[in-house]
Amino acid sequence: MPAAPLDALREAGLDRRVLSASAGATLELVLGQLARTDGGELRIVPLRTLNVTLVQGTRPLGSLYAARDLLPGRYRFAVLPRRPGGEELRAGLYALVVDVVSGDGRATRARLPFRVR
């Protein structure tokens, strides 16, 4: 009997929801899993892809991070109130969209809103 699918994106969060030029945030992701099957074998759920995109409303402003073939673990990234090219973000509402595809092809998405003042 095949094992039940496991989530590749287990946790996603920002340590602060309001950013400014003097105060960024930390994006923390818990990705992949290690689990035991009913037979006692260790099962690793790696990630095929990870993409973090900056959006305003529904409009993508650009990719902040992209990676392939990641092992399970806790990942942390500094988030500054800047566009991917380095230009400062204007005051307003934004979000980070985290897209993950597991090794078995399952896609998971998280949307993390924040405000720039």
Foldseek 3Di string as FASTA:
>chain_A
DDDDDDFQWDDWAWPAQEAEQVRWIKIKTFGWDWDADPVRDIDTKWWQKKWKFKFDPPRTQGTQDIDGTGGGDMDMDIGHQAGNVGHHHDWDKMWIKIWIAIPVGDIDIDIYIHTYD
